[in-house]
Amino acid sequence: MATEELARLEGSLRRRFRVAETTIETAGRTIELLHPASAEDLISEADFERDERLPYWAEPWPSSFVLARELLGGRWGTANGRALLELGCGAGLVATAAALAGFDVTASDYYDDALLFARVNAWRATRRDIMTLPLDWRALPDALSRWDVVLAADVLYERPYADLVARALARTIARGGIGVVADPGRVAAGAFVEACPALGLSVERAVRLPYAEGAIRQTIDVYVVRLAG
């Protein structure tokens, strides 16, 4: 039943959007990522006037490629039944990699369409459905679960997100769990590190990883976050 539903969902996305498929070869796996062909196609003046919303979710960013690669490579351990949440899943590259690695995946995003793409991409890669969660970091629900692993790729691109992302991690990381944030040096990265201790989080820059594709060259900082104490 899920197969039929997700096949219909993929067809619906292909009709509603001008789409592209990006092939990602990483950690011995191949992911064919379906995503909107251009984020610019999705810019809405009404959305921006209402809450300064821009469709960053539609782009596959280098930080997500690096996070997917490291996840599939086992940097943060094997799945072993662990529950994993992605904050700001976009089209679902990291969520798909997590599903391939065997985690019990929940993909979250502010955009409903991002959640649909994430479901479809995880299903295309694994033929299994994942959970999705609409999540506004500015208004986190009172009843919010905690996960063993919480991941976020390139989510610190606006200054207010430093505190918002830190608060989202403080509310979602399970005791004994881990948060991982991949960032290419965005404007809010330093403030994010400074915001964590006041929220009961320990944070360290665990590793710096290179990304190179065509003319793009980035160094991705990977921060590891835990509940302190």
C-alpha atoms as a PDB file:
ATOM      1  CA  MET A   1       0.000   0.000   0.000  1.00  0.00           C
ATOM      2  CA  ALA A   2       2.810   2.409   0.891  1.00  0.00           C
ATOM      3  CA  THR A   3       4.460   1.641  -2.456  1.00  0.00           C
ATOM      4  CA  GLU A   4       1.346   2.675  -4.382  1.00  0.00           C
ATOM      5  CA  GLU A   5       0.892   5.814  -2.261  1.00  0.00           C
ATOM      6  CA  LEU A   6       4.487   6.938  -2.689  1.00  0.00           C
ATOM      7  CA  ALA A   7       4.490   6.187  -6.410  1.00  0.00           C
ATOM      8  CA  ARG A   8       1.423   8.427  -6.741  1.00  0.00           C
ATOM      9  CA  LEU A   9       3.132  11.071  -4.603  1.00  0.00           C
ATOM     10  CA  GLU A  10       6.208  11.042  -6.846  1.00  0.00           C
ATOM     11  CA  GLY A  11       3.979  11.460  -9.896  1.00  0.00           C
ATOM     12  CA  SER A  12       2.223  14.373  -8.238  1.00  0.00           C
ATOM     13  CA  LEU A  13       5.528  16.111  -7.443  1.00  0.00           C
ATOM     14  CA  ARG A  14       6.723  15.647 -11.021  1.00  0.00           C
ATOM     15  CA  ARG A  15       3.530  17.280 -12.280  1.00  0.00           C
ATOM     16  CA  ARG A  16       3.587  20.162  -9.787  1.00  0.00           C
ATOM     17  CA  PHE A  17       7.273  21.051 -10.046  1.00  0.00           C
ATOM     18  CA  ARG A  18       9.905  21.396 -12.707  1.00  0.00           C
ATOM     19  CA  VAL A  19      12.212  18.746 -11.269  1.00  0.00           C
ATOM     20  CA  ALA A  20      15.808  17.597 -11.617  1.00  0.00           C
ATOM     21  CA  GLU A  21      17.553  14.427 -10.522  1.00  0.00           C
ATOM     22  CA  THR A  22      21.026  14.693  -9.026  1.00  0.00           C
ATOM     23  CA  THR A  23      23.124  11.541  -8.789  1.00  0.00           C
ATOM     24  CA  ILE A  24      25.171  11.349  -5.590  1.00  0.00           C
ATOM     25  CA  GLU A  25      27.873   8.712  -5.312  1.00  0.00           C
ATOM     26  CA  THR A  26      28.889   8.531  -1.684  1.00  0.00           C
ATOM     27  CA  ALA A  27      30.361   5.955   0.684  1.00  0.00           C
ATOM     28  CA  GLY A  28      29.820   3.213  -1.912  1.00  0.00           C
ATOM     29  CA  ARG A  29      26.137   4.083  -2.367  1.00  0.00           C
ATOM     30  CA  THR A  30      24.275   5.800  -5.176  1.00  0.00           C
ATOM     31  CA  ILE A  31      21.394   8.143  -4.391  1.00  0.00           C
ATOM     32  CA  GLU A  32      19.264   9.592  -7.194  1.00  0.00           C
ATOM     33  CA  LEU A  33      17.917  12.712  -5.527  1.00  0.00           C
ATOM     34  CA  LEU A  34      14.704  14.159  -6.956  1.00  0.00           C
ATOM     35  CA  HIS A  35      14.376  17.880  -6.227  1.00  0.00           C
ATOM     36  CA  PRO A  36      13.039  21.092  -7.764  1.00  0.00           C
ATOM     37  CA  ALA A  37      15.169  22.149 -10.710  1.00  0.00           C
ATOM     38  CA  SER A  38      15.468  25.730  -9.483  1.00  0.00           C
ATOM     39  CA  ALA A  39      14.792  27.289  -6.099  1.00  0.00           C
ATOM     40  CA  GLU A  40      14.208  30.594  -7.883  1.00  0.00           C
ATOM     41  CA  ASP A  41      11.111  29.065  -9.506  1.00  0.00           C
ATOM     42  CA  LEU A  42       9.590  28.743  -6.027  1.00  0.00           C
ATOM     43  CA  ILE A  43      10.172  32.244  -4.654  1.00  0.00           C
ATOM     44  CA  SER A  44       6.904  33.726  -3.464  1.00  0.00           C
ATOM     45  CA  GLU A  45       6.578  37.412  -2.610  1.00  0.00           C
ATOM     46  CA  ALA A  46       3.579  36.594  -0.409  1.00  0.00           C
ATOM     47  CA  ASP A  47       5.567  34.035   1.585  1.00  0.00           C
ATOM     48  CA  PHE A  48       8.463  36.457   2.010  1.00  0.00           C
ATOM     49  CA  GLU A  49       6.209  39.308   3.133  1.00  0.00           C
ATOM     50  CA  ARG A  50       4.462  37.026   5.642  1.00  0.00           C
ATOM     51  CA  ASP A  51       7.529  35.499   7.352  1.00  0.00           C
ATOM     52  CA  GLU A  52      10.585  36.190   5.156  1.00  0.00           C
ATOM     53  CA  ARG A  53      10.318  32.649   3.846  1.00  0.00           C
ATOM     54  CA  LEU A  54      12.690  31.711   1.004  1.00  0.00           C
ATOM     55  CA  PRO A  55      12.815  28.262  -0.621  1.00  0.00           C
ATOM     56  CA  TYR A  56      16.347  27.305   0.448  1.00  0.00           C
ATOM     57  CA  TRP A  57      15.041  23.768   0.950  1.00  0.00           C
ATOM     58  CA  ALA A  58      14.929  23.128  -2.792  1.00  0.00           C
ATOM     59  CA  GLU A  59      18.731  23.255  -3.253  1.00  0.00           C
ATOM     60  CA  PRO A  60      20.981  20.272  -2.446  1.00  0.00           C
ATOM     61  CA  TRP A  61      23.709  22.068  -0.459  1.00  0.00           C
ATOM     62  CA  PRO A  62      27.326  20.868  -0.052  1.00  0.00           C
ATOM     63  CA  SER A  63      26.896  20.446   3.710  1.00  0.00           C
ATOM     64  CA  SER A  64      24.177  17.869   3.092  1.00  0.00           C
ATOM     65  CA  PHE A  65      26.442  15.936   0.712  1.00  0.00           C
ATOM     66  CA  VAL A  66      29.164  15.835   3.373  1.00  0.00           C
ATOM     67  CA  LEU A  67      26.763  14.885   6.157  1.00  0.00           C
ATOM     68  CA  ALA A  68      25.262  12.099   4.034  1.00  0.00           C
ATOM     69  CA  ARG A  69      28.728  10.769   3.205  1.00  0.00           C
ATOM     70  CA  GLU A  70      29.875  10.737   6.826  1.00  0.00           C
ATOM     71  CA  LEU A  71      26.623   9.183   8.005  1.00  0.00           C
ATOM     72  CA  LEU A  72      26.852   6.340   5.476  1.00  0.00           C
ATOM     73  CA  GLY A  73      30.516   5.928   6.347  1.00  0.00           C
ATOM     74  CA  GLY A  74      29.588   5.215   9.963  1.00  0.00           C
ATOM     75  CA  ARG A  75      31.259   8.220  11.577  1.00  0.00           C
ATOM     76  CA  TRP A  76      28.517   8.381  14.209  1.00  0.00           C
ATOM     77  CA  GLY A  77      28.110   4.650  14.650  1.00  0.00           C
ATOM     78  CA  THR A  78      25.731   2.119  13.207  1.00  0.00           C
ATOM     79  CA  ALA A  79      21.978   2.387  13.362  1.00  0.00           C
ATOM     80  CA  ASN A  80      21.241  -0.487  15.759  1.00  0.00           C
ATOM     81  CA  GLY A  81      17.589   0.561  15.907  1.00  0.00           C
ATOM     82  CA  ARG A  82      18.411   4.168  16.810  1.00  0.00           C
ATOM     83  CA  ALA A  83      15.858   6.885  16.065  1.00  0.00           C
ATOM     84  CA  LEU A  84      17.121   9.811  13.964  1.00  0.00           C
ATOM     85  CA  LEU A  85      15.664  13.252  13.290  1.00  0.00           C
ATOM     86  CA  GLU A  86      16.778  15.639  10.577  1.00  0.00           C
ATOM     87  CA  LEU A  87      16.132  19.331  11.229  1.00  0.00           C
ATOM     88  CA  GLY A  88      15.493  21.177   7.966  1.00  0.00           C
ATOM     89  CA  CYS A  89      15.488  18.147   5.689  1.00  0.00           C
ATOM     90  CA  GLY A  90      15.079  19.979   2.382  1.00  0.00           C
ATOM     91  CA  ALA A  91      14.579  17.482  -0.429  1.00  0.00           C
ATOM     92  CA  GLY A  92      15.808  14.712   1.851  1.00  0.00           C
ATOM     93  CA  LEU A  93      19.391  13.796   0.952  1.00  0.00           C
ATOM     94  CA  VAL A  94      20.534  13.332   4.557  1.00  0.00           C
ATOM     95  CA  ALA A  95      17.278  11.645   5.564  1.00  0.00           C
ATOM     96  CA  THR A  96      17.673   9.264   2.627  1.00  0.00           C
ATOM     97  CA  ALA A  97      21.256   8.446   3.613  1.00  0.00           C
ATOM     98  CA  ALA A  98      20.076   7.809   7.168  1.00  0.00           C
ATOM     99  CA  ALA A  99      17.367   5.458   5.919  1.00  0.00           C
ATOM    100  CA  LEU A 100      19.943   3.615   3.797  1.00  0.00           C
ATOM    101  CA  ALA A 101      22.132   3.303   6.896  1.00  0.00           C
ATOM    102  CA  GLY A 102      19.255   1.649   8.740  1.00  0.00           C
ATOM    103  CA  PHE A 103      18.146   4.391  11.127  1.00  0.00           C
ATOM    104  CA  ASP A 104      14.513   4.894  12.132  1.00  0.00           C
ATOM    105  CA  VAL A 105      14.181   8.239  10.349  1.00  0.00           C
ATOM    106  CA  THR A 106      11.988  11.270  10.945  1.00  0.00           C
ATOM    107  CA  ALA A 107      12.506  14.151   8.500  1.00  0.00           C
ATOM    108  CA  SER A 108      11.350  17.603   9.597  1.00  0.00           C
ATOM    109  CA  ASP A 109      11.047  20.915   7.776  1.00  0.00           C
ATOM    110  CA  TYR A 110       9.123  24.178   7.741  1.00  0.00           C
ATOM    111  CA  TYR A 111       7.955  23.506   4.180  1.00  0.00           C
ATOM    112  CA  ASP A 112       5.339  20.820   3.582  1.00  0.00           C
ATOM    113  CA  ASP A 113       6.644  20.218   0.052  1.00  0.00           C
ATOM    114  CA  ALA A 114      10.127  19.500   1.429  1.00  0.00           C
ATOM    115  CA  LEU A 115       8.637  16.714   3.538  1.00  0.00           C
ATOM    116  CA  LEU A 116       6.975  15.223   0.457  1.00  0.00           C
ATOM    117  CA  PHE A 117      10.241  15.202  -1.500  1.00  0.00           C
ATOM    118  CA  ALA A 118      12.058  13.672   1.485  1.00  0.00           C
ATOM    119  CA  ARG A 119       9.530  10.848   1.719  1.00  0.00           C
ATOM    120  CA  VAL A 120       9.740  10.147  -1.988  1.00  0.00           C
ATOM    121  CA  ASN A 121      13.547  10.190  -2.081  1.00  0.00           C
ATOM    122  CA  ALA A 122      13.885   7.862   0.902  1.00  0.00           C
ATOM    123  CA  TRP A 123      11.362   5.508  -0.657  1.00  0.00           C
ATOM    124  CA  ARG A 124      13.123   5.570  -4.031  1.00  0.00           C
ATOM    125  CA  ALA A 125      16.383   4.554  -2.337  1.00  0.00           C
ATOM    126  CA  THR A 126      15.089   2.010   0.181  1.00  0.00           C
ATOM    127  CA  ARG A 127      11.492   1.127  -0.775  1.00  0.00           C
ATOM    128  CA  ARG A 128      10.619   1.999   2.822  1.00  0.00           C
ATOM    129  CA  ASP A 129       8.615   4.944   4.084  1.00  0.00           C
ATOM    130  CA  ILE A 130       9.994   7.396   6.640  1.00  0.00           C
ATOM    131  CA  MET A 131       8.208   9.560   9.173  1.00  0.00           C
ATOM    132  CA  THR A 132       7.869  13.288   8.529  1.00  0.00           C
ATOM    133  CA  LEU A 133       7.262  16.160  10.934  1.00  0.00           C
ATOM    134  CA  PRO A 134       6.266  19.748  10.055  1.00  0.00           C
ATOM    135  CA  LEU A 135       8.387  21.855  12.401  1.00  0.00           C
ATOM    136  CA  ASP A 136       8.676  25.604  12.904  1.00  0.00           C
ATOM    137  CA  TRP A 137      11.697  26.320  15.115  1.00  0.00           C
ATOM    138  CA  ARG A 138      10.091  29.592  16.209  1.00  0.00           C
ATOM    139  CA  ALA A 139       7.103  27.733  17.681  1.00  0.00           C
ATOM    140  CA  LEU A 140       8.208  24.291  18.841  1.00  0.00           C
ATOM    141  CA  PRO A 141       5.267  22.181  20.032  1.00  0.00           C
ATOM    142  CA  ASP A 142       4.948  21.406  23.733  1.00  0.00           C
ATOM    143  CA  ALA A 143       4.770  17.678  23.016  1.00  0.00           C
ATOM    144  CA  LEU A 144       7.960  16.981  21.102  1.00  0.00           C
ATOM    145  CA  SER A 145       9.776  13.657  21.091  1.00  0.00           C
ATOM    146  CA  ARG A 146      13.502  13.146  21.601  1.00  0.00           C
ATOM    147  CA  TRP A 147      15.769  11.255  19.219  1.00  0.00           C
ATOM    148  CA  ASP A 148      19.031   9.352  19.602  1.00  0.00           C
ATOM    149  CA  VAL A 149      20.594  11.258  16.689  1.00  0.00           C
ATOM    150  CA  VAL A 150      19.599  14.739  15.481  1.00  0.00           C
ATOM    151  CA  LEU A 151      21.189  16.057  12.273  1.00  0.00           C
ATOM    152  CA  ALA A 152      21.152  19.420  10.522  1.00  0.00           C
ATOM    153  CA  ALA A 153      22.969  20.538   7.372  1.00  0.00           C
ATOM    154  CA  ASP A 154      23.573  24.221   6.538  1.00  0.00           C
ATOM    155  CA  VAL A 155      20.854  25.670   8.761  1.00  0.00           C
ATOM    156  CA  LEU A 156      22.767  28.656  10.217  1.00  0.00           C
ATOM    157  CA  TYR A 157      22.450  30.991   7.239  1.00  0.00           C
ATOM    158  CA  GLU A 158      20.566  33.763   9.096  1.00  0.00           C
ATOM    159  CA  ARG A 159      21.601  35.310  12.425  1.00  0.00           C
ATOM    160  CA  PRO A 160      18.331  34.509  14.272  1.00  0.00           C
ATOM    161  CA  TYR A 161      18.865  30.820  13.506  1.00  0.00           C
ATOM    162  CA  ALA A 162      21.768  30.575  15.956  1.00  0.00           C
ATOM    163  CA  ASP A 163      19.420  30.554  18.944  1.00  0.00           C
ATOM    164  CA  LEU A 164      16.565  28.817  17.114  1.00  0.00           C
ATOM    165  CA  VAL A 165      18.695  25.848  16.046  1.00  0.00           C
ATOM    166  CA  ALA A 166      20.290  25.558  19.488  1.00  0.00           C
ATOM    167  CA  ARG A 167      16.840  25.516  21.108  1.00  0.00           C
ATOM    168  CA  ALA A 168      15.572  22.927  18.632  1.00  0.00           C
ATOM    169  CA  LEU A 169      18.531  20.669  19.476  1.00  0.00           C
ATOM    170  CA  ALA A 170      18.005  21.147  23.216  1.00  0.00           C
ATOM    171  CA  ARG A 171      14.393  20.031  22.783  1.00  0.00           C
ATOM    172  CA  THR A 172      15.028  17.028  20.537  1.00  0.00           C
ATOM    173  CA  ILE A 173      18.290  15.297  21.548  1.00  0.00           C
ATOM    174  CA  ALA A 174      17.697  12.332  23.849  1.00  0.00           C
ATOM    175  CA  ARG A 175      19.734  11.857  27.009  1.00  0.00           C
ATOM    176  CA  GLY A 176      22.857  10.044  25.859  1.00  0.00           C
ATOM    177  CA  GLY A 177      22.123  11.052  22.268  1.00  0.00           C
ATOM    178  CA  ILE A 178      24.026  13.231  19.849  1.00  0.00           C
ATOM    179  CA  GLY A 179      23.357  16.205  17.618  1.00  0.00           C
ATOM    180  CA  VAL A 180      25.424  16.868  14.503  1.00  0.00           C
ATOM    181  CA  VAL A 181      25.394  20.194  12.650  1.00  0.00           C
ATOM    182  CA  ALA A 182      27.289  20.584   9.351  1.00  0.00           C
ATOM    183  CA  ASP A 183      28.027  24.180   8.407  1.00  0.00           C
ATOM    184  CA  PRO A 184      30.158  25.844   5.682  1.00  0.00           C
ATOM    185  CA  GLY A 185      30.938  28.966   7.726  1.00  0.00           C
ATOM    186  CA  ARG A 186      27.582  30.711   7.698  1.00  0.00           C
ATOM    187  CA  VAL A 187      26.969  33.992   9.498  1.00  0.00           C
ATOM    188  CA  ALA A 188      25.273  32.432  12.558  1.00  0.00           C
ATOM    189  CA  ALA A 189      27.764  29.624  13.238  1.00  0.00           C
ATOM    190  CA  GLY A 190      29.741  31.426  15.946  1.00  0.00           C
ATOM    191  CA  ALA A 191      26.616  32.657  17.719  1.00  0.00           C
ATOM    192  CA  PHE A 192      25.201  29.124  17.606  1.00  0.00           C
ATOM    193  CA  VAL A 193      28.235  27.766  19.463  1.00  0.00           C
ATOM    194  CA  GLU A 194      27.890  30.568  22.033  1.00  0.00           C
ATOM    195  CA  ALA A 195      24.148  29.916  22.507  1.00  0.00           C
ATOM    196  CA  CYS A 196      24.455  26.210  23.303  1.00  0.00           C
ATOM    197  CA  PRO A 197      25.842  26.237  26.904  1.00  0.00           C
ATOM    198  CA  ALA A 198      23.037  28.433  28.269  1.00  0.00           C
ATOM    199  CA  LEU A 199      20.563  25.855  26.937  1.00  0.00           C
ATOM    200  CA  GLY A 200      22.261  22.932  28.661  1.00  0.00           C
ATOM    201  CA  LEU A 201      24.206  21.770  25.628  1.00  0.00           C
ATOM    202  CA  SER A 202      27.862  20.969  25.154  1.00  0.00           C
ATOM    203  CA  VAL A 203      29.209  21.656  21.678  1.00  0.00           C
ATOM    204  CA  GLU A 204      32.518  21.062  19.954  1.00  0.00           C
ATOM    205  CA  ARG A 205      33.751  21.425  16.411  1.00  0.00           C
ATOM    206  CA  ALA A 206      34.648  17.802  15.891  1.00  0.00           C
ATOM    207  CA  VAL A 207      36.080  17.866  12.394  1.00  0.00           C
ATOM    208  CA  ARG A 208      36.544  20.024   9.284  1.00  0.00           C
ATOM    209  CA  LEU A 209      35.793  18.240   6.035  1.00  0.00           C
ATOM    210  CA  PRO A 210      36.461  19.289   2.441  1.00  0.00           C
ATOM    211  CA  TYR A 211      33.853  19.462  -0.295  1.00  0.00           C
ATOM    212  CA  ALA A 212      34.808  19.796  -3.943  1.00  0.00           C
ATOM    213  CA  GLU A 213      32.493  19.501  -6.918  1.00  0.00           C
ATOM    214  CA  GLY A 214      33.158  21.320 -10.179  1.00  0.00           C
ATOM    215  CA  ALA A 215      34.024  24.911  -9.331  1.00  0.00           C
ATOM    216  CA  ILE A 216      32.615  24.647  -5.796  1.00  0.00           C
ATOM    217  CA  ARG A 217      35.156  24.387  -2.991  1.00  0.00           C
ATOM    218  CA  GLN A 218      34.007  24.504   0.617  1.00  0.00           C
ATOM    219  CA  THR A 219      35.261  23.456   4.009  1.00  0.00           C
ATOM    220  CA  ILE A 220      32.459  22.065   6.140  1.00  0.00           C
ATOM    221  CA  ASP A 221      32.667  22.403   9.915  1.00  0.00           C
ATOM    222  CA  VAL A 222      30.951  19.559  11.741  1.00  0.00           C
ATOM    223  CA  TYR A 223      29.751  20.396  15.260  1.00  0.00           C
ATOM    224  CA  VAL A 224      28.832  17.659  17.709  1.00  0.00           C
ATOM    225  CA  VAL A 225      26.243  18.608  20.324  1.00  0.00           C
ATOM    226  CA  ARG A 226      25.149  16.736  23.447  1.00  0.00           C
ATOM    227  CA  LEU A 227      23.036  17.404  26.500  1.00  0.00           C
ATOM    228  CA  ALA A 228      25.457  18.598  29.160  1.00  0.00           C
ATOM    229  CA  GLY A 229      25.849  16.821  32.506  1.00  0.00           C
END
